[in-house]
């Protein structure tokens, strides 16, 4: 899908916080110099073409009591990375799942994130997932402090 400058502006506007008004899309449209109908038609087009997956609320999870954020790093044989990656990505507890290169002293090549109210929940989840995918070489690393969390800006 080829994006034009208006697409870039719309995507950037929707990537941040929505205006706190009764008609946030109307306000965004006005700021971009288009009608609300044109804005919403483009958003529907992004959804139909798979450019936009969804729109949703992002909570401040620590303020909501979800303090345990664990990154599970997996040492997966290269010939199983696709299979294991897809299995872990399908687990509802996993929010992010990426394959990355290994390094000389860091053998892990698959990274997943799990969030919970307690570390024990994350540890239990990691052990269960390890058994399900048949990988016993993993580590669970917890976040200790959040310095920044924001939606990405692509344009």
Foldseek 3Di string as FASTA:
>chain_A
DDDDPLNLLLVQQLQADFDPDPCSLQVSCVVSVHGSVVSVVVVVVCCVVVVDVDHDDDDPVVVVQFAWKKKKFFQDPPVCCVVLQVLVVPDPQWDDWAADDADPVRRTGIITIGIGNDVVVVVVVVVVSCVVSVTDDMDIDTDDDDPDDGGDRDD
